[in-house]
Structure formats: C-alpha cells, structure tokens
N, C-alpha and C. Protein backbone atom coordinates (compact mmCIF):
# COMPACT_ATOMS: atom_id res chain seq x y z
N MET A 1 5.23 -20.72 24.45
CA MET A 1 3.73 -19.70 24.68
C MET A 1 3.76 -18.89 23.27
N GLY A 2 5.37 -18.01 22.80
CA GLY A 2 4.86 -17.40 21.95
C GLY A 2 4.79 -17.97 20.36
N TYR A 3 5.65 -18.80 20.70
CA TYR A 3 5.12 -19.40 19.61
C TYR A 3 4.11 -20.17 19.20
N GLU A 4 3.58 -20.12 20.05
CA GLU A 4 1.77 -20.46 19.48
C GLU A 4 1.33 -19.17 19.27
N ARG A 5 1.33 -18.13 19.20
CA ARG A 5 1.03 -17.18 19.10
C ARG A 5 1.62 -16.57 17.31
N MET A 6 2.77 -17.05 17.44
CA MET A 6 2.77 -16.51 16.12
C MET A 6 2.39 -17.78 14.88
N GLU A 7 1.76 -18.98 15.34
CA GLU A 7 1.86 -19.75 14.87
C GLU A 7 0.54 -20.00 14.32
N ASN A 8 -0.41 -19.37 15.49
CA ASN A 8 -1.56 -19.05 15.05
C ASN A 8 -1.94 -17.49 14.27
N PHE A 9 -0.85 -16.02 13.63
CA PHE A 9 -0.64 -15.36 13.35
C PHE A 9 -1.10 -15.46 12.14
N TYR A 10 -0.43 -16.26 11.47
CA TYR A 10 -0.50 -16.86 9.97
C TYR A 10 -1.17 -17.27 9.31
N ASN A 11 -2.09 -17.84 8.90
CA ASN A 11 -3.02 -18.89 8.75
C ASN A 11 -3.50 -19.49 10.01
N ASN A 12 -4.49 -19.11 10.77
CA ASN A 12 -4.65 -19.12 11.90
C ASN A 12 -5.91 -20.29 11.16
N LYS A 13 -5.89 -21.44 12.32
CA LYS A 13 -6.64 -22.77 12.10
C LYS A 13 -7.88 -22.79 12.59
N SER A 14 -8.27 -22.30 13.03
CA SER A 14 -9.42 -21.32 13.68
C SER A 14 -10.39 -20.99 12.11
N LEU A 15 -9.42 -20.14 11.44
CA LEU A 15 -10.15 -19.73 9.75
C LEU A 15 -9.70 -20.38 8.74
N GLN A 16 -9.99 -21.69 9.13
CA GLN A 16 -9.38 -22.56 7.91
C GLN A 16 -10.18 -23.05 6.85
N SER A 17 -10.96 -23.37 7.30
CA SER A 17 -12.84 -23.01 7.24
C SER A 17 -12.98 -22.71 6.02
N LEU A 18 -12.99 -21.05 7.00
CA LEU A 18 -13.96 -20.25 5.98
C LEU A 18 -12.84 -19.81 5.04
N ARG A 19 -11.38 -19.92 4.85
CA ARG A 19 -10.89 -19.45 3.90
C ARG A 19 -10.98 -20.62 2.78
N ARG A 20 -10.76 -21.79 3.11
CA ARG A 20 -11.17 -22.90 2.08
C ARG A 20 -12.51 -22.66 1.52
N LYS A 21 -13.61 -22.08 2.26
CA LYS A 21 -14.70 -21.21 1.30
C LYS A 21 -14.52 -20.54 0.41
N LEU A 22 -13.85 -19.43 0.68
CA LEU A 22 -13.17 -18.49 0.35
C LEU A 22 -13.08 -18.51 -0.99
N ARG A 23 -11.63 -19.69 -1.35
CA ARG A 23 -11.08 -19.72 -1.91
C ARG A 23 -12.14 -20.83 -3.01
N MET A 24 -13.22 -21.44 -2.93
CA MET A 24 -13.70 -22.30 -3.49
C MET A 24 -15.30 -21.13 -4.21
N THR A 25 -15.50 -20.32 -3.42
CA THR A 25 -16.13 -18.94 -4.28
C THR A 25 -15.86 -18.22 -4.69
N SER A 26 -14.48 -17.76 -4.91
CA SER A 26 -13.84 -16.95 -5.56
C SER A 26 -15.08 -16.10 -6.58
N THR A 27 -14.45 -14.99 -6.50
CA THR A 27 -15.60 -13.65 -7.67
C THR A 27 -14.91 -14.08 -8.64
N ASP A 28 -15.61 -13.23 -9.53
CA ASP A 28 -14.96 -13.27 -11.10
C ASP A 28 -13.75 -12.89 -10.98
N ALA A 29 -13.59 -11.53 -10.70
CA ALA A 29 -12.34 -11.04 -10.13
C ALA A 29 -11.36 -11.38 -9.77
N GLU A 30 -11.27 -11.86 -9.19
CA GLU A 30 -10.60 -13.02 -8.10
C GLU A 30 -9.99 -14.01 -8.71
N ARG A 31 -10.60 -14.77 -9.61
CA ARG A 31 -9.91 -16.16 -10.24
C ARG A 31 -9.99 -15.15 -11.76
N TYR A 32 -10.13 -14.04 -12.17
CA TYR A 32 -9.39 -13.47 -12.96
C TYR A 32 -8.08 -13.18 -12.89
N LEU A 33 -7.88 -12.67 -11.90
CA LEU A 33 -6.83 -11.75 -11.46
C LEU A 33 -5.51 -13.23 -11.08
N TRP A 34 -6.32 -14.37 -10.26
CA TRP A 34 -5.31 -15.08 -10.28
C TRP A 34 -4.67 -15.87 -11.15
N GLN A 35 -5.68 -16.25 -12.75
CA GLN A 35 -4.84 -16.43 -13.75
C GLN A 35 -3.16 -16.12 -13.88
N ARG A 36 -3.51 -14.61 -13.27
CA ARG A 36 -2.36 -13.92 -13.91
C ARG A 36 -1.61 -13.71 -12.83
N LEU A 37 -1.54 -13.89 -11.42
CA LEU A 37 -0.53 -14.53 -10.37
C LEU A 37 0.12 -15.64 -10.62
N ARG A 38 -0.98 -17.04 -10.27
CA ARG A 38 0.23 -17.88 -10.37
C ARG A 38 0.51 -18.87 -10.99
N ASN A 39 1.41 -19.60 -10.30
CA ASN A 39 2.30 -20.60 -11.18
C ASN A 39 4.50 -19.53 -11.21
N LYS A 40 3.90 -18.76 -10.64
CA LYS A 40 5.19 -17.34 -10.15
C LYS A 40 5.61 -16.53 -11.25
N GLN A 41 4.30 -16.02 -11.87
CA GLN A 41 4.21 -15.02 -13.65
C GLN A 41 4.74 -13.90 -13.21
N ILE A 42 5.00 -13.40 -12.48
CA ILE A 42 5.60 -11.82 -11.66
C ILE A 42 6.87 -11.93 -11.08
N LEU A 43 7.64 -12.03 -11.72
CA LEU A 43 9.04 -11.82 -11.18
C LEU A 43 9.55 -12.77 -10.78
N ASN A 44 9.02 -14.31 -10.96
CA ASN A 44 8.75 -15.49 -10.01
C ASN A 44 8.49 -15.25 -9.06
N LEU A 45 7.81 -14.76 -8.38
CA LEU A 45 7.25 -14.61 -6.26
C LEU A 45 5.92 -15.57 -6.87
N ARG A 46 6.13 -15.92 -5.45
CA ARG A 46 4.90 -17.01 -5.40
C ARG A 46 3.44 -16.60 -4.96
N PHE A 47 2.44 -16.62 -5.11
CA PHE A 47 1.36 -15.77 -4.57
C PHE A 47 0.53 -16.44 -3.96
N LEU A 48 -0.12 -16.80 -2.79
CA LEU A 48 -0.97 -17.29 -2.59
C LEU A 48 -2.23 -16.86 -2.26
N ARG A 49 -3.34 -17.40 -2.43
CA ARG A 49 -4.71 -16.47 -2.29
C ARG A 49 -5.09 -17.02 -0.85
N GLN A 50 -6.71 -16.19 -0.77
CA GLN A 50 -7.43 -16.14 0.86
C GLN A 50 -6.30 -16.89 1.93
N TYR A 51 -5.22 -15.77 2.41
CA TYR A 51 -3.75 -16.26 2.77
C TYR A 51 -4.33 -15.43 4.51
N GLY A 52 -4.09 -16.27 5.86
CA GLY A 52 -4.71 -15.64 6.61
C GLY A 52 -3.50 -14.40 7.62
N VAL A 53 -3.61 -13.65 7.57
CA VAL A 53 -2.58 -13.21 9.36
C VAL A 53 -3.37 -12.79 9.62
N GLY A 54 -3.19 -12.82 11.64
CA GLY A 54 -4.33 -12.65 11.90
C GLY A 54 -5.09 -13.04 12.12
N ASN A 55 -6.55 -12.00 12.38
CA ASN A 55 -7.83 -12.56 11.90
C ASN A 55 -8.38 -11.72 10.95
N TYR A 56 -7.24 -11.53 9.68
CA TYR A 56 -8.08 -10.90 8.50
C TYR A 56 -7.15 -11.71 6.93
N ILE A 57 -8.02 -12.47 6.08
CA ILE A 57 -8.15 -13.56 5.32
C ILE A 57 -7.76 -12.58 4.11
N LEU A 58 -6.48 -12.49 3.45
CA LEU A 58 -5.90 -11.84 2.53
C LEU A 58 -6.38 -12.20 1.39
N ASP A 59 -6.89 -11.73 0.43
CA ASP A 59 -7.11 -11.71 -1.19
C ASP A 59 -6.07 -12.76 -1.62
N PHE A 60 -4.99 -11.88 -1.84
CA PHE A 60 -3.35 -12.72 -2.48
C PHE A 60 -2.45 -12.03 -1.69
N TYR A 61 -1.54 -12.77 -1.32
CA TYR A 61 -0.43 -12.65 -0.33
C TYR A 61 0.57 -13.24 -0.90
N CYS A 62 1.86 -12.23 -1.10
CA CYS A 62 3.69 -13.20 -1.51
C CYS A 62 4.18 -12.57 -0.54
N PRO A 63 4.61 -14.00 0.21
CA PRO A 63 5.78 -13.85 1.58
C PRO A 63 6.53 -13.08 1.51
N MET A 64 7.55 -13.30 0.35
CA MET A 64 8.39 -13.42 -0.19
C MET A 64 8.91 -11.65 0.41
N THR A 65 7.45 -11.09 -0.86
CA THR A 65 7.78 -9.55 -0.77
C THR A 65 7.13 -8.65 0.33
N ARG A 66 6.40 -9.26 1.63
CA ARG A 66 5.37 -8.90 2.23
C ARG A 66 4.18 -7.92 1.61
N LEU A 67 3.68 -8.38 0.86
CA LEU A 67 2.89 -7.85 -0.22
C LEU A 67 1.18 -8.63 -0.81
N ALA A 68 0.18 -7.71 -0.04
CA ALA A 68 -0.85 -7.86 -0.17
C ALA A 68 -1.19 -7.38 -1.02
N ILE A 69 -2.54 -8.31 -1.75
CA ILE A 69 -3.24 -7.64 -2.86
C ILE A 69 -5.19 -7.84 -2.52
N GLU A 70 -5.62 -6.93 -2.69
CA GLU A 70 -7.10 -6.92 -2.07
C GLU A 70 -7.93 -6.24 -3.10
N LEU A 71 -8.60 -7.28 -3.51
CA LEU A 71 -10.24 -6.73 -4.80
C LEU A 71 -11.03 -6.41 -3.93
N ASP A 72 -11.85 -5.20 -4.13
CA ASP A 72 -13.15 -4.67 -3.71
C ASP A 72 -13.84 -4.44 -5.01
N GLY A 73 -14.93 -5.49 -4.16
CA GLY A 73 -16.68 -4.89 -5.08
C GLY A 73 -16.96 -3.88 -4.62
N GLY A 74 -17.96 -4.17 -5.01
CA GLY A 74 -19.71 -2.92 -4.28
C GLY A 74 -19.64 -2.71 -2.86
N GLN A 75 -19.50 -3.70 -2.52
CA GLN A 75 -19.41 -3.76 -1.28
C GLN A 75 -18.43 -3.37 -0.31
N HIS A 76 -17.26 -3.26 -1.01
CA HIS A 76 -16.25 -2.72 -0.26
C HIS A 76 -16.58 -1.09 -0.11
N ALA A 77 -17.05 -1.16 -0.39
CA ALA A 77 -17.94 1.42 -0.76
C ALA A 77 -17.90 1.25 0.84
N GLU A 78 -19.18 0.29 1.40
CA GLU A 78 -19.41 0.71 2.53
C GLU A 78 -18.67 0.37 3.47
N SER A 79 -17.66 0.00 3.88
CA SER A 79 -16.96 -0.73 4.62
C SER A 79 -14.95 -0.02 4.80
N LYS A 80 -15.67 1.29 4.64
CA LYS A 80 -13.91 2.30 3.57
C LYS A 80 -13.58 2.19 5.65
N GLU A 81 -14.25 2.17 6.71
CA GLU A 81 -13.42 2.29 7.75
C GLU A 81 -12.78 1.33 7.97
N GLN A 82 -13.49 -0.01 7.81
CA GLN A 82 -12.53 -1.59 8.33
C GLN A 82 -11.66 -1.57 7.18
N ASP A 83 -11.89 -1.47 5.67
CA ASP A 83 -10.54 -1.42 4.97
C ASP A 83 -9.02 -1.18 5.94
N GLU A 84 -9.64 0.78 6.18
CA GLU A 84 -8.78 1.29 6.19
C GLU A 84 -8.17 0.87 7.85
N LEU A 85 -8.75 0.45 8.82
CA LEU A 85 -8.07 -0.31 9.59
C LEU A 85 -7.17 -1.67 9.65
N ARG A 86 -7.90 -2.32 8.61
CA ARG A 86 -7.23 -3.56 8.41
C ARG A 86 -5.79 -3.18 7.79
N THR A 87 -5.59 -2.09 7.20
CA THR A 87 -4.93 -1.73 6.08
C THR A 87 -3.69 -1.17 6.76
N ALA A 88 -4.22 -0.32 8.36
CA ALA A 88 -3.23 0.27 8.92
C ALA A 88 -2.10 -0.83 9.77
N PHE A 89 -3.46 -2.14 10.61
CA PHE A 89 -3.09 -3.38 11.22
C PHE A 89 -1.72 -4.27 10.14
N LEU A 90 -2.23 -4.27 8.85
CA LEU A 90 -0.75 -5.21 8.35
C LEU A 90 0.00 -4.28 7.84
N GLY A 91 -0.16 -2.59 7.61
CA GLY A 91 1.16 -2.14 7.82
C GLY A 91 2.08 -1.90 8.89
N VAL A 92 1.21 -1.91 10.19
CA VAL A 92 2.29 -2.20 11.14
C VAL A 92 2.93 -3.46 11.42
N LYS A 93 2.32 -4.51 10.79
CA LYS A 93 3.53 -5.64 10.56
C LYS A 93 4.61 -5.83 9.10
N GLY A 94 4.21 -4.70 8.72
CA GLY A 94 5.39 -4.62 7.75
C GLY A 94 4.87 -5.19 6.08
N ILE A 95 3.52 -5.44 6.30
CA ILE A 95 2.47 -5.97 4.85
C ILE A 95 1.92 -4.52 3.92
N THR A 96 2.75 -4.31 2.91
CA THR A 96 2.27 -3.62 1.93
C THR A 96 0.67 -4.33 1.67
N VAL A 97 0.24 -2.71 0.88
CA VAL A 97 -1.30 -3.63 1.12
C VAL A 97 -1.86 -2.90 -0.56
N LEU A 98 -1.45 -3.65 -1.97
CA LEU A 98 -2.73 -2.67 -2.92
C LEU A 98 -4.00 -3.25 -2.41
N ARG A 99 -4.79 -2.35 -3.08
CA ARG A 99 -6.53 -2.15 -3.56
C ARG A 99 -6.55 -1.83 -5.14
N PHE A 100 -7.37 -2.89 -5.59
CA PHE A 100 -7.66 -2.73 -6.80
C PHE A 100 -9.76 -2.98 -6.25
N TRP A 101 -10.30 -2.45 -7.84
CA TRP A 101 -11.49 -3.04 -7.83
C TRP A 101 -12.05 -4.04 -8.48
N ASN A 102 -12.90 -4.10 -8.30
CA ASN A 102 -13.28 -5.82 -9.41
C ASN A 102 -13.12 -5.11 -10.52
N ASN A 103 -13.98 -3.56 -11.03
CA ASN A 103 -13.73 -3.45 -12.52
C ASN A 103 -12.27 -2.78 -13.11
N ASP A 104 -11.29 -2.36 -12.32
CA ASP A 104 -10.13 -1.98 -12.73
C ASP A 104 -9.33 -3.45 -13.56
N VAL A 105 -9.68 -5.16 -12.97
CA VAL A 105 -9.31 -5.68 -12.87
C VAL A 105 -9.64 -6.20 -14.56
N PHE A 106 -11.17 -6.38 -14.45
CA PHE A 106 -11.59 -6.85 -15.95
C PHE A 106 -11.46 -5.55 -17.48
N LYS A 107 -11.21 -4.15 -16.41
CA LYS A 107 -11.02 -3.34 -17.53
C LYS A 107 -9.93 -2.80 -18.02
N ASN A 108 -9.10 -2.59 -16.95
CA ASN A 108 -7.87 -2.36 -16.98
C ASN A 108 -6.88 -3.25 -16.34
N ILE A 109 -6.34 -4.67 -16.57
CA ILE A 109 -5.59 -5.85 -16.52
C ILE A 109 -3.99 -5.60 -16.56
N ASP A 110 -3.79 -4.81 -17.27
CA ASP A 110 -2.74 -4.71 -17.59
C ASP A 110 -2.27 -3.50 -16.45
N GLY A 111 -2.58 -2.45 -16.69
CA GLY A 111 -2.27 -1.38 -15.54
C GLY A 111 -2.55 -2.46 -14.06
N VAL A 112 -3.42 -3.17 -13.91
CA VAL A 112 -3.42 -3.93 -12.48
C VAL A 112 -1.97 -4.75 -12.20
N LEU A 113 -1.34 -5.18 -13.16
CA LEU A 113 -0.47 -5.70 -13.24
C LEU A 113 0.94 -5.42 -13.11
N GLN A 114 1.11 -4.58 -14.11
CA GLN A 114 1.94 -3.38 -14.22
C GLN A 114 2.08 -2.79 -12.47
N THR A 115 0.92 -2.70 -11.83
CA THR A 115 1.25 -1.87 -10.56
C THR A 115 2.06 -2.98 -9.71
N ILE A 116 0.72 -3.90 -9.76
CA ILE A 116 1.93 -5.37 -8.78
C ILE A 116 3.58 -5.33 -9.09
N PHE A 117 3.52 -5.84 -10.48
CA PHE A 117 4.92 -5.57 -10.74
C PHE A 117 5.98 -4.78 -9.97
N GLU A 118 5.75 -3.86 -11.07
CA GLU A 118 6.28 -2.18 -9.79
C GLU A 118 6.21 -2.24 -8.42
N THR A 119 5.40 -2.71 -7.79
CA THR A 119 5.15 -2.62 -6.32
C THR A 119 6.35 -3.72 -6.19
N SER A 120 6.62 -4.67 -6.60
CA SER A 120 6.80 -6.18 -6.36
C SER A 120 8.18 -5.98 -6.33
N GLU A 121 8.60 -5.21 -7.37
CA GLU A 121 10.00 -5.21 -7.20
C GLU A 121 10.65 -4.12 -6.92
N ALA A 122 9.90 -2.83 -6.35
CA ALA A 122 10.59 -2.45 -5.34
C ALA A 122 10.50 -3.04 -4.06
N LEU A 123 9.29 -3.59 -3.17
CA LEU A 123 9.65 -4.06 -1.98
C LEU A 123 10.94 -5.22 -2.48
N MET A 124 11.58 -6.03 -3.33
CA MET A 124 12.18 -6.81 -3.32
C MET A 124 13.52 -5.90 -3.11
N LYS A 125 14.00 -5.07 -3.62
CA LYS A 125 14.84 -3.87 -3.51
C LYS A 125 15.35 -3.73 -2.35
N ARG A 126 13.92 -3.28 -1.52
CA ARG A 126 13.75 -2.67 -0.25
C ARG A 126 14.33 -3.73 0.89
N SER A 127 14.15 -4.79 0.56
CA SER A 127 14.65 -6.07 1.97
C SER A 127 16.65 -6.67 1.25
C-alpha cells in the first residue's frame, strides 16, 4: 500500500493527460526558458517540464537537486494564496521553489539563469 501511494505521488497517472496537454500548449515564456534548461545546459542537470508532484504540476523540475521552477503570468497575481499553499506543500516535501514572472524570462533571461544556476549549485552542495 505504501508503495502505491509513492507511485502516485510523482507523475500521478490521473494527471498524465493534463501534463501532456500543458506541454503541448506551453506559454511563450515556458518555451523560451525550456530552450535554456533542456539538454543539461545548467551544471549538467536534467530538468523535466510539466512534472507532477502530488496533485500539482510543476513547470520545470530537477529531480537531482529537488528544484522546482514556476513561471507566473498575469493569472498568478490573483492566485497568490494558492501559490503560497503550493510552495509550502512542496517545501514540506523537501522541494525548493523558484518563481519568476514571465516578463523576467523575456527581459532578464541572464538574471533568471544566474539565479537558477546559483540555487542549483547551492542545493548540490547541500546534498
């Protein structure tokens, strides 16, 4: 029974079609950042996109460092409470969350990547 619960905790099968749909309908900001994260471009770390943890789907996730990256557009301004609950849930599970506004990805991609690099490096040293 415990194994079943853990099996459904990551990439829960019931959310599989939603994860696939989100990958196919990525925002411009997600596609732009993905081009910089894919193929182990940061510290040779593998990032996954639209990765499920519990009932949440993370924009990007690095299993090795347990780092989640979330991109927020205008719709997130109204759901700040939900974002805080999600971040708290992930924190309890040992997952660090970085949040960036879509505008930051387009206007300051070097700063976004530097933050991801530095956070990843710190998380690797910690483990």
